[in-house]
Amino acid sequence: SGVVKSVAFGAGEGEFASAGNDRDIRLCDLRADPNKGSGVIEGAHHSAINGLQYSPDGTLLLSSSFDPILRVHDLRNPAAPLLDLQGHLAGRAKSIQGPVFAAGGRRVVATGERTGLLTIYDCTGSGALVSHGSMDFNPSKLCSVDGGDLTFMAAAGQGELSLLKPSM
C-alpha cells in the first residue's frame, strides 16, 4: 500500500515487481493462481524503495532506496537478501539512483545522488566493491546493454548523456 516509486518487468511473460514508500517489494506473476498471491518481500529496505531491476536471467532482483545499501534478492529464496552492496560514500549520497545489472548479471553499476560517481560491484560472490568511476556530471539514470563480448552503458542526467564502455 502507499506510493509506488518503481516497477520492473521480469524475463518471464507476466512477471513484475513493484515497490515504494512502504519499503516492501511486491512480486507478481499474472500466470499464477490469483487465490494464492505472488509474494511480498517485507521490509526490504530501511527507507522508501526507489529502484528495482531484474537480472538478465530473471532469478535475481536488484533494489535501491534512500538508504545507502543496494540489495540483491534471489527470487528462488527471497526471505533474506542474497547480497548487500555497500560503499557509495554514504556522507555524500542521499540516495542510490538507477542501479543496473551489467556484464550478463555478474556486476551491478550504480550512481548516488549528487556524487558524480559510478560504483561497480561484483555479484558472483561476496558483493565486493570493484571500482568507483568519476563523471563530469551527476547521472540520475543508467542503462546497460550486454551484447555478447560488448557491454556498454549510458549515463544520463542534468541534460547530459554519456556512453561508457566499462571494464567488467
N, C-alpha and C. Protein backbone atom coordinates (compact mmCIF):
# COMPACT_ATOMS: atom_id res chain seq x y z
N SER A 1 0.84 -1.19 0.00
CA SER A 1 0.00 0.00 0.00
C SER A 1 0.87 1.24 0.00
N GLY A 2 0.35 2.36 -0.41
CA GLY A 2 1.12 3.60 -0.44
C GLY A 2 1.62 3.93 -1.83
N VAL A 3 2.53 4.88 -1.89
CA VAL A 3 3.07 5.38 -3.15
C VAL A 3 4.01 4.35 -3.77
N VAL A 4 3.81 4.04 -5.05
CA VAL A 4 4.69 3.15 -5.80
C VAL A 4 5.73 4.01 -6.50
N LYS A 5 7.02 3.73 -6.26
CA LYS A 5 8.10 4.51 -6.86
C LYS A 5 8.84 3.77 -7.95
N SER A 6 8.67 2.44 -8.03
CA SER A 6 9.38 1.69 -9.05
C SER A 6 8.60 0.43 -9.42
N VAL A 7 8.66 0.10 -10.70
CA VAL A 7 8.11 -1.14 -11.23
C VAL A 7 9.15 -1.72 -12.18
N ALA A 8 9.37 -3.03 -12.09
CA ALA A 8 10.30 -3.71 -13.00
C ALA A 8 9.60 -4.92 -13.58
N PHE A 9 9.88 -5.20 -14.85
CA PHE A 9 9.28 -6.35 -15.52
C PHE A 9 10.33 -7.44 -15.67
N GLY A 10 9.94 -8.67 -15.34
CA GLY A 10 10.86 -9.80 -15.36
C GLY A 10 11.04 -10.38 -16.74
N ALA A 11 11.87 -11.41 -16.80
CA ALA A 11 12.18 -12.07 -18.05
C ALA A 11 10.99 -12.90 -18.54
N GLY A 12 10.19 -13.42 -17.61
CA GLY A 12 9.04 -14.23 -17.97
C GLY A 12 7.82 -13.38 -18.30
N GLU A 13 6.98 -13.89 -19.15
CA GLU A 13 5.77 -13.18 -19.53
C GLU A 13 4.85 -13.06 -18.32
N GLY A 14 4.46 -11.84 -17.98
CA GLY A 14 3.54 -11.61 -16.88
C GLY A 14 4.18 -11.44 -15.51
N GLU A 15 5.50 -11.46 -15.42
CA GLU A 15 6.18 -11.26 -14.14
C GLU A 15 6.55 -9.79 -13.96
N PHE A 16 6.26 -9.26 -12.78
CA PHE A 16 6.73 -7.91 -12.47
C PHE A 16 6.84 -7.74 -10.97
N ALA A 17 7.56 -6.71 -10.56
CA ALA A 17 7.73 -6.37 -9.15
C ALA A 17 7.47 -4.88 -9.00
N SER A 18 6.95 -4.49 -7.83
CA SER A 18 6.72 -3.08 -7.55
C SER A 18 7.15 -2.79 -6.12
N ALA A 19 7.50 -1.52 -5.87
CA ALA A 19 7.95 -1.12 -4.53
C ALA A 19 7.79 0.39 -4.40
N GLY A 20 7.87 0.86 -3.14
CA GLY A 20 7.74 2.29 -2.91
C GLY A 20 7.95 2.66 -1.47
N ASN A 21 7.12 3.60 -1.01
CA ASN A 21 7.29 4.19 0.32
C ASN A 21 7.13 3.20 1.47
N ASP A 22 6.39 2.11 1.28
CA ASP A 22 6.17 1.19 2.39
C ASP A 22 7.35 0.25 2.64
N ARG A 23 8.40 0.31 1.82
CA ARG A 23 9.65 -0.45 1.96
C ARG A 23 9.49 -1.93 1.64
N ASP A 24 8.34 -2.34 1.13
CA ASP A 24 8.09 -3.73 0.75
C ASP A 24 8.20 -3.87 -0.77
N ILE A 25 8.62 -5.05 -1.20
CA ILE A 25 8.64 -5.37 -2.63
C ILE A 25 7.54 -6.39 -2.88
N ARG A 26 6.67 -6.07 -3.82
CA ARG A 26 5.59 -6.98 -4.18
C ARG A 26 5.95 -7.67 -5.49
N LEU A 27 5.94 -9.00 -5.43
CA LEU A 27 6.25 -9.83 -6.60
C LEU A 27 4.95 -10.32 -7.20
N CYS A 28 4.78 -10.15 -8.49
CA CYS A 28 3.53 -10.54 -9.14
C CYS A 28 3.82 -11.41 -10.36
N ASP A 29 3.02 -12.43 -10.51
CA ASP A 29 3.07 -13.28 -11.70
C ASP A 29 1.63 -13.44 -12.17
N LEU A 30 1.31 -12.81 -13.27
CA LEU A 30 -0.06 -12.81 -13.76
C LEU A 30 -0.53 -14.19 -14.19
N ARG A 31 0.40 -15.14 -14.34
CA ARG A 31 0.04 -16.51 -14.72
C ARG A 31 -0.31 -17.36 -13.50
N ALA A 32 0.02 -16.88 -12.29
CA ALA A 32 -0.19 -17.65 -11.06
C ALA A 32 -1.67 -17.67 -10.67
N ASP A 33 -1.99 -18.59 -9.81
CA ASP A 33 -3.34 -18.71 -9.27
C ASP A 33 -3.65 -17.43 -8.47
N PRO A 34 -4.67 -16.66 -8.85
CA PRO A 34 -4.97 -15.40 -8.16
C PRO A 34 -5.34 -15.58 -6.69
N ASN A 35 -5.75 -16.78 -6.29
CA ASN A 35 -6.11 -17.04 -4.90
C ASN A 35 -4.89 -17.25 -4.00
N LYS A 36 -3.73 -17.52 -4.60
CA LYS A 36 -2.53 -17.78 -3.82
C LYS A 36 -1.66 -16.54 -3.63
N GLY A 37 -1.83 -15.52 -4.43
CA GLY A 37 -0.95 -14.36 -4.36
C GLY A 37 0.41 -14.72 -4.92
N SER A 38 1.26 -13.73 -5.09
CA SER A 38 2.56 -13.98 -5.69
C SER A 38 3.71 -13.81 -4.72
N GLY A 39 3.60 -12.98 -3.73
CA GLY A 39 4.67 -12.84 -2.75
C GLY A 39 5.03 -11.40 -2.43
N VAL A 40 5.54 -11.23 -1.22
CA VAL A 40 5.98 -9.92 -0.74
C VAL A 40 7.30 -10.11 -0.01
N ILE A 41 8.27 -9.27 -0.30
CA ILE A 41 9.49 -9.20 0.49
C ILE A 41 9.28 -8.02 1.42
N GLU A 42 8.93 -8.31 2.67
CA GLU A 42 8.59 -7.26 3.62
C GLU A 42 9.84 -6.60 4.19
N GLY A 43 9.77 -5.27 4.36
CA GLY A 43 10.88 -4.52 4.96
C GLY A 43 12.18 -4.72 4.21
N ALA A 44 12.12 -4.70 2.88
CA ALA A 44 13.31 -4.95 2.06
C ALA A 44 14.40 -3.91 2.28
N HIS A 45 14.03 -2.71 2.70
CA HIS A 45 14.99 -1.63 2.99
C HIS A 45 14.52 -0.88 4.23
N HIS A 46 15.38 0.02 4.70
CA HIS A 46 15.05 0.83 5.88
C HIS A 46 14.34 2.14 5.51
N SER A 47 14.28 2.45 4.22
CA SER A 47 13.57 3.64 3.76
C SER A 47 12.90 3.33 2.43
N ALA A 48 12.22 4.30 1.85
CA ALA A 48 11.45 4.10 0.62
C ALA A 48 12.34 3.51 -0.49
N ILE A 49 11.78 2.59 -1.22
CA ILE A 49 12.49 1.94 -2.33
C ILE A 49 12.23 2.74 -3.60
N ASN A 50 13.33 3.13 -4.29
CA ASN A 50 13.19 3.98 -5.47
C ASN A 50 13.62 3.31 -6.76
N GLY A 51 14.08 2.05 -6.70
CA GLY A 51 14.51 1.39 -7.92
C GLY A 51 14.48 -0.12 -7.80
N LEU A 52 14.08 -0.78 -8.89
CA LEU A 52 14.07 -2.24 -9.00
C LEU A 52 14.57 -2.62 -10.38
N GLN A 53 15.28 -3.74 -10.48
CA GLN A 53 15.64 -4.29 -11.78
C GLN A 53 15.88 -5.78 -11.65
N TYR A 54 15.34 -6.54 -12.61
CA TYR A 54 15.58 -7.98 -12.69
C TYR A 54 16.92 -8.23 -13.36
N SER A 55 17.60 -9.31 -12.96
CA SER A 55 18.81 -9.75 -13.65
C SER A 55 18.41 -10.28 -15.02
N PRO A 56 19.37 -10.37 -15.96
CA PRO A 56 19.02 -10.85 -17.30
C PRO A 56 18.36 -12.24 -17.32
N ASP A 57 18.73 -13.12 -16.38
CA ASP A 57 18.13 -14.46 -16.36
C ASP A 57 16.85 -14.52 -15.53
N GLY A 58 16.47 -13.41 -14.88
CA GLY A 58 15.23 -13.32 -14.14
C GLY A 58 15.23 -13.96 -12.76
N THR A 59 16.38 -14.44 -12.29
CA THR A 59 16.42 -15.11 -10.98
C THR A 59 16.74 -14.16 -9.84
N LEU A 60 17.30 -12.99 -10.15
CA LEU A 60 17.68 -12.02 -9.12
C LEU A 60 16.91 -10.73 -9.32
N LEU A 61 16.68 -10.02 -8.22
CA LEU A 61 16.04 -8.71 -8.26
C LEU A 61 16.90 -7.74 -7.48
N LEU A 62 17.27 -6.65 -8.10
CA LEU A 62 18.09 -5.60 -7.50
C LEU A 62 17.16 -4.51 -6.99
N SER A 63 17.39 -4.05 -5.75
CA SER A 63 16.57 -2.96 -5.21
C SER A 63 17.47 -1.87 -4.64
N SER A 64 17.03 -0.63 -4.81
CA SER A 64 17.75 0.52 -4.24
C SER A 64 16.74 1.39 -3.51
N SER A 65 17.27 2.22 -2.59
CA SER A 65 16.37 3.04 -1.80
C SER A 65 17.09 4.31 -1.37
N PHE A 66 16.44 5.01 -0.45
CA PHE A 66 17.04 6.22 0.10
C PHE A 66 17.98 5.91 1.26
N ASP A 67 18.20 4.61 1.55
CA ASP A 67 19.27 4.23 2.48
C ASP A 67 20.50 3.91 1.63
N PRO A 68 21.69 3.83 2.20
CA PRO A 68 22.91 3.69 1.38
C PRO A 68 23.25 2.25 1.00
N ILE A 69 22.26 1.38 0.87
CA ILE A 69 22.53 -0.02 0.56
C ILE A 69 21.73 -0.45 -0.66
N LEU A 70 22.40 -1.16 -1.57
CA LEU A 70 21.72 -1.85 -2.66
C LEU A 70 21.54 -3.29 -2.20
N ARG A 71 20.42 -3.88 -2.54
CA ARG A 71 20.20 -5.28 -2.15
C ARG A 71 19.92 -6.10 -3.40
N VAL A 72 20.51 -7.31 -3.41
CA VAL A 72 20.24 -8.29 -4.46
C VAL A 72 19.47 -9.42 -3.81
N HIS A 73 18.27 -9.68 -4.32
CA HIS A 73 17.38 -10.70 -3.79
C HIS A 73 17.35 -11.89 -4.75
N ASP A 74 17.55 -13.10 -4.23
CA ASP A 74 17.40 -14.31 -5.02
C ASP A 74 15.92 -14.68 -4.99
N LEU A 75 15.25 -14.60 -6.11
CA LEU A 75 13.80 -14.80 -6.15
C LEU A 75 13.41 -16.26 -5.92
N ARG A 76 14.37 -17.17 -5.98
CA ARG A 76 14.08 -18.57 -5.66
C ARG A 76 14.01 -18.77 -4.15
N ASN A 77 14.61 -17.83 -3.38
CA ASN A 77 14.60 -17.87 -1.92
C ASN A 77 14.64 -16.42 -1.40
N PRO A 78 13.53 -15.69 -1.51
CA PRO A 78 13.54 -14.26 -1.23
C PRO A 78 13.45 -13.86 0.24
N ALA A 79 13.50 -14.80 1.18
CA ALA A 79 13.30 -14.49 2.60
C ALA A 79 14.32 -13.47 3.12
N ALA A 80 15.56 -13.54 2.66
CA ALA A 80 16.60 -12.60 3.07
C ALA A 80 17.41 -12.21 1.84
N PRO A 81 17.98 -10.99 1.81
CA PRO A 81 18.79 -10.59 0.65
C PRO A 81 19.96 -11.54 0.43
N LEU A 82 20.26 -11.82 -0.82
CA LEU A 82 21.42 -12.62 -1.18
C LEU A 82 22.70 -11.80 -0.93
N LEU A 83 22.67 -10.51 -1.32
CA LEU A 83 23.82 -9.62 -1.17
C LEU A 83 23.37 -8.24 -0.71
N ASP A 84 24.14 -7.62 0.16
CA ASP A 84 24.02 -6.21 0.49
C ASP A 84 25.23 -5.52 -0.11
N LEU A 85 25.01 -4.62 -1.06
CA LEU A 85 26.10 -3.93 -1.74
C LEU A 85 26.27 -2.56 -1.11
N GLN A 86 27.45 -2.29 -0.55
CA GLN A 86 27.69 -1.04 0.17
C GLN A 86 28.97 -0.39 -0.32
N GLY A 87 29.08 0.91 -0.09
CA GLY A 87 30.29 1.64 -0.45
C GLY A 87 30.05 2.84 -1.33
N HIS A 88 28.88 3.43 -1.23
CA HIS A 88 28.52 4.58 -2.06
C HIS A 88 28.97 5.91 -1.48
N LEU A 89 29.91 5.90 -0.57
CA LEU A 89 30.34 7.14 0.08
C LEU A 89 29.13 7.80 0.75
N ALA A 90 28.62 7.14 1.76
CA ALA A 90 27.33 7.49 2.38
C ALA A 90 27.22 8.96 2.78
N GLY A 91 28.29 9.60 3.17
CA GLY A 91 28.22 11.00 3.57
C GLY A 91 27.85 11.92 2.43
N ARG A 92 28.10 11.49 1.19
CA ARG A 92 27.83 12.35 0.03
C ARG A 92 26.51 12.03 -0.65
N ALA A 93 26.06 10.78 -0.58
CA ALA A 93 24.88 10.37 -1.34
C ALA A 93 23.66 10.28 -0.45
N LYS A 94 22.59 10.98 -0.85
CA LYS A 94 21.33 10.87 -0.11
C LYS A 94 20.56 9.63 -0.54
N SER A 95 20.71 9.22 -1.78
CA SER A 95 20.04 8.02 -2.26
C SER A 95 20.86 7.41 -3.39
N ILE A 96 20.58 6.15 -3.65
CA ILE A 96 21.20 5.44 -4.75
C ILE A 96 20.19 5.48 -5.89
N GLN A 97 20.67 5.85 -7.07
CA GLN A 97 19.74 6.05 -8.18
C GLN A 97 20.08 5.15 -9.36
N GLY A 98 19.05 4.59 -9.94
CA GLY A 98 19.15 3.88 -11.20
C GLY A 98 20.16 2.76 -11.28
N PRO A 99 20.28 1.90 -10.26
CA PRO A 99 21.26 0.81 -10.39
C PRO A 99 20.83 -0.18 -11.48
N VAL A 100 21.82 -0.78 -12.13
CA VAL A 100 21.54 -1.74 -13.20
C VAL A 100 22.47 -2.94 -13.09
N PHE A 101 21.97 -4.08 -13.55
CA PHE A 101 22.84 -5.24 -13.75
C PHE A 101 23.63 -5.01 -15.03
N ALA A 102 24.86 -5.47 -15.04
CA ALA A 102 25.71 -5.36 -16.23
C ALA A 102 26.53 -6.65 -16.35
N ALA A 103 27.22 -6.79 -17.46
CA ALA A 103 28.08 -7.95 -17.72
C ALA A 103 27.30 -9.25 -17.52
N GLY A 104 26.10 -9.33 -18.09
CA GLY A 104 25.30 -10.54 -18.01
C GLY A 104 24.80 -10.87 -16.62
N GLY A 105 24.73 -9.86 -15.74
CA GLY A 105 24.26 -10.07 -14.37
C GLY A 105 25.38 -10.33 -13.38
N ARG A 106 26.63 -10.34 -13.85
CA ARG A 106 27.77 -10.57 -12.95
C ARG A 106 28.16 -9.32 -12.17
N ARG A 107 27.74 -8.16 -12.64
CA ARG A 107 28.09 -6.90 -11.99
C ARG A 107 26.83 -6.05 -11.79
N VAL A 108 26.90 -5.15 -10.80
CA VAL A 108 25.88 -4.12 -10.60
C VAL A 108 26.60 -2.78 -10.68
N VAL A 109 26.02 -1.84 -11.41
CA VAL A 109 26.56 -0.49 -11.52
C VAL A 109 25.51 0.47 -10.98
N ALA A 110 25.94 1.41 -10.15
CA ALA A 110 25.00 2.36 -9.52
C ALA A 110 25.62 3.74 -9.47
N THR A 111 24.75 4.71 -9.31
CA THR A 111 25.17 6.08 -9.09
C THR A 111 24.45 6.60 -7.85
N GLY A 112 25.10 7.49 -7.12
CA GLY A 112 24.48 8.10 -5.94
C GLY A 112 24.07 9.52 -6.25
N GLU A 113 23.01 9.96 -5.60
CA GLU A 113 22.51 11.31 -5.81
C GLU A 113 23.60 12.35 -5.54
N ARG A 114 23.83 13.21 -6.52
CA ARG A 114 24.78 14.33 -6.43
C ARG A 114 26.22 13.92 -6.09
N THR A 115 26.64 12.73 -6.53
CA THR A 115 28.01 12.32 -6.27
C THR A 115 28.90 12.43 -7.49
N GLY A 116 28.33 12.31 -8.69
CA GLY A 116 29.16 12.29 -9.89
C GLY A 116 29.98 11.01 -10.00
N LEU A 117 29.61 9.97 -9.27
CA LEU A 117 30.36 8.72 -9.28
C LEU A 117 29.52 7.57 -9.80
N LEU A 118 30.19 6.65 -10.47
CA LEU A 118 29.60 5.35 -10.78
C LEU A 118 30.32 4.34 -9.91
N THR A 119 29.58 3.41 -9.34
CA THR A 119 30.15 2.38 -8.49
C THR A 119 29.82 1.03 -9.09
N ILE A 120 30.84 0.15 -9.15
CA ILE A 120 30.66 -1.18 -9.73
C ILE A 120 30.88 -2.23 -8.64
N TYR A 121 29.96 -3.18 -8.57
CA TYR A 121 30.02 -4.27 -7.59
C TYR A 121 30.05 -5.62 -8.28
N ASP A 122 30.67 -6.59 -7.63
CA ASP A 122 30.70 -7.97 -8.09
C ASP A 122 29.49 -8.71 -7.52
N CYS A 123 28.73 -9.37 -8.37
CA CYS A 123 27.56 -10.13 -7.91
C CYS A 123 27.78 -11.63 -7.99
N THR A 124 29.00 -12.07 -8.22
CA THR A 124 29.24 -13.50 -8.35
C THR A 124 29.66 -14.14 -7.03
N GLY A 125 29.86 -13.34 -6.01
CA GLY A 125 30.30 -13.91 -4.73
C GLY A 125 29.85 -13.07 -3.56
N SER A 126 30.77 -12.27 -3.04
CA SER A 126 30.54 -11.54 -1.80
C SER A 126 29.84 -10.19 -1.97
N GLY A 127 29.71 -9.72 -3.20
CA GLY A 127 29.15 -8.38 -3.41
C GLY A 127 30.18 -7.30 -3.23
N ALA A 128 31.45 -7.63 -3.40
CA ALA A 128 32.55 -6.69 -3.16
C ALA A 128 32.49 -5.50 -4.11
N LEU A 129 32.91 -4.35 -3.59
CA LEU A 129 33.05 -3.15 -4.40
C LEU A 129 34.23 -3.38 -5.34
N VAL A 130 34.01 -3.18 -6.63
CA VAL A 130 35.05 -3.40 -7.64
C VAL A 130 35.73 -2.10 -7.99
N SER A 131 34.93 -1.02 -8.17
CA SER A 131 35.51 0.23 -8.66
C SER A 131 34.57 1.40 -8.44
N HIS A 132 35.17 2.59 -8.28
CA HIS A 132 34.46 3.87 -8.35
C HIS A 132 34.96 4.58 -9.59
N GLY A 133 34.07 5.18 -10.36
CA GLY A 133 34.48 5.96 -11.52
C GLY A 133 33.84 7.33 -11.44
N SER A 134 34.58 8.34 -11.79
CA SER A 134 34.11 9.72 -11.70
C SER A 134 33.49 10.18 -13.02
N MET A 135 32.40 10.93 -12.91
CA MET A 135 31.74 11.51 -14.08
C MET A 135 31.88 13.03 -13.99
N ASP A 136 31.75 13.70 -15.14
CA ASP A 136 31.80 15.16 -15.16
C ASP A 136 30.45 15.78 -14.83
N PHE A 137 29.45 14.96 -14.54
CA PHE A 137 28.13 15.43 -14.18
C PHE A 137 27.54 14.44 -13.19
N ASN A 138 26.36 14.71 -12.68
CA ASN A 138 25.70 13.83 -11.72
C ASN A 138 24.63 13.00 -12.42
N PRO A 139 24.97 11.78 -12.86
CA PRO A 139 23.97 10.97 -13.55
C PRO A 139 22.86 10.54 -12.61
N SER A 140 21.64 10.54 -13.13
CA SER A 140 20.50 10.08 -12.34
C SER A 140 19.86 8.84 -12.93
N LYS A 141 20.30 8.43 -14.11
CA LYS A 141 19.74 7.24 -14.77
C LYS A 141 20.85 6.51 -15.49
N LEU A 142 20.87 5.18 -15.33
CA LEU A 142 21.82 4.32 -16.02
C LEU A 142 21.08 3.30 -16.86
N CYS A 143 21.68 2.89 -17.95
CA CYS A 143 21.15 1.83 -18.79
C CYS A 143 22.32 0.97 -19.24
N SER A 144 22.20 -0.33 -19.11
CA SER A 144 23.27 -1.24 -19.52
C SER A 144 22.79 -2.11 -20.66
N VAL A 145 23.64 -2.28 -21.66
CA VAL A 145 23.33 -3.14 -22.81
C VAL A 145 24.44 -4.16 -22.93
N ASP A 146 24.07 -5.43 -22.83
CA ASP A 146 25.02 -6.52 -22.98
C ASP A 146 24.80 -7.18 -24.32
N GLY A 147 25.85 -7.19 -25.13
CA GLY A 147 25.76 -7.82 -26.44
C GLY A 147 26.92 -8.78 -26.67
N GLY A 148 26.89 -9.91 -26.00
CA GLY A 148 27.98 -10.87 -26.13
C GLY A 148 29.24 -10.34 -25.46
N ASP A 149 30.28 -10.12 -26.25
CA ASP A 149 31.54 -9.63 -25.70
C ASP A 149 31.53 -8.12 -25.47
N LEU A 150 30.51 -7.44 -25.97
CA LEU A 150 30.45 -5.98 -25.84
C LEU A 150 29.42 -5.59 -24.80
N THR A 151 29.86 -4.84 -23.79
CA THR A 151 28.96 -4.25 -22.82
C THR A 151 29.16 -2.75 -22.89
N PHE A 152 28.09 -2.00 -22.97
CA PHE A 152 28.24 -0.56 -22.86
C PHE A 152 27.10 -0.04 -22.01
N MET A 153 27.31 1.17 -21.50
CA MET A 153 26.33 1.79 -20.62
C MET A 153 26.05 3.20 -21.09
N ALA A 154 24.86 3.66 -20.77
CA ALA A 154 24.51 5.06 -20.97
C ALA A 154 24.21 5.64 -19.60
N ALA A 155 24.76 6.81 -19.32
CA ALA A 155 24.51 7.53 -18.08
C ALA A 155 23.90 8.88 -18.47
N ALA A 156 22.77 9.23 -17.84
CA ALA A 156 22.07 10.46 -18.20
C ALA A 156 21.69 11.24 -16.96
N GLY A 157 21.68 12.56 -17.10
CA GLY A 157 21.24 13.44 -16.03
C GLY A 157 21.71 14.86 -16.30
N GLN A 158 20.99 15.82 -15.77
CA GLN A 158 21.34 17.24 -15.89
C GLN A 158 21.55 17.67 -17.34
N GLY A 159 20.74 17.12 -18.26
CA GLY A 159 20.86 17.48 -19.67
C GLY A 159 22.07 16.87 -20.35
N GLU A 160 22.74 15.93 -19.72
CA GLU A 160 23.94 15.28 -20.27
C GLU A 160 23.64 13.82 -20.55
N LEU A 161 24.34 13.26 -21.52
CA LEU A 161 24.28 11.83 -21.82
C LEU A 161 25.68 11.37 -22.16
N SER A 162 26.13 10.33 -21.50
CA SER A 162 27.46 9.76 -21.78
C SER A 162 27.31 8.30 -22.11
N LEU A 163 28.03 7.85 -23.12
CA LEU A 163 28.12 6.43 -23.44
C LEU A 163 29.44 5.94 -22.88
N LEU A 164 29.40 4.82 -22.18
CA LEU A 164 30.57 4.30 -21.48
C LEU A 164 30.81 2.85 -21.88
N LYS A 165 32.07 2.47 -21.90
CA LYS A 165 32.42 1.06 -22.09
C LYS A 165 33.26 0.66 -20.87
N PRO A 166 32.57 0.28 -19.78
CA PRO A 166 33.32 -0.06 -18.56
C PRO A 166 34.04 -1.39 -18.71
N SER A 167 35.16 -1.51 -18.03
CA SER A 167 35.86 -2.79 -17.93
C SER A 167 35.16 -3.61 -16.86
N MET A 168 34.60 -4.71 -17.23
CA MET A 168 33.84 -5.53 -16.29
C MET A 168 34.62 -6.74 -15.91
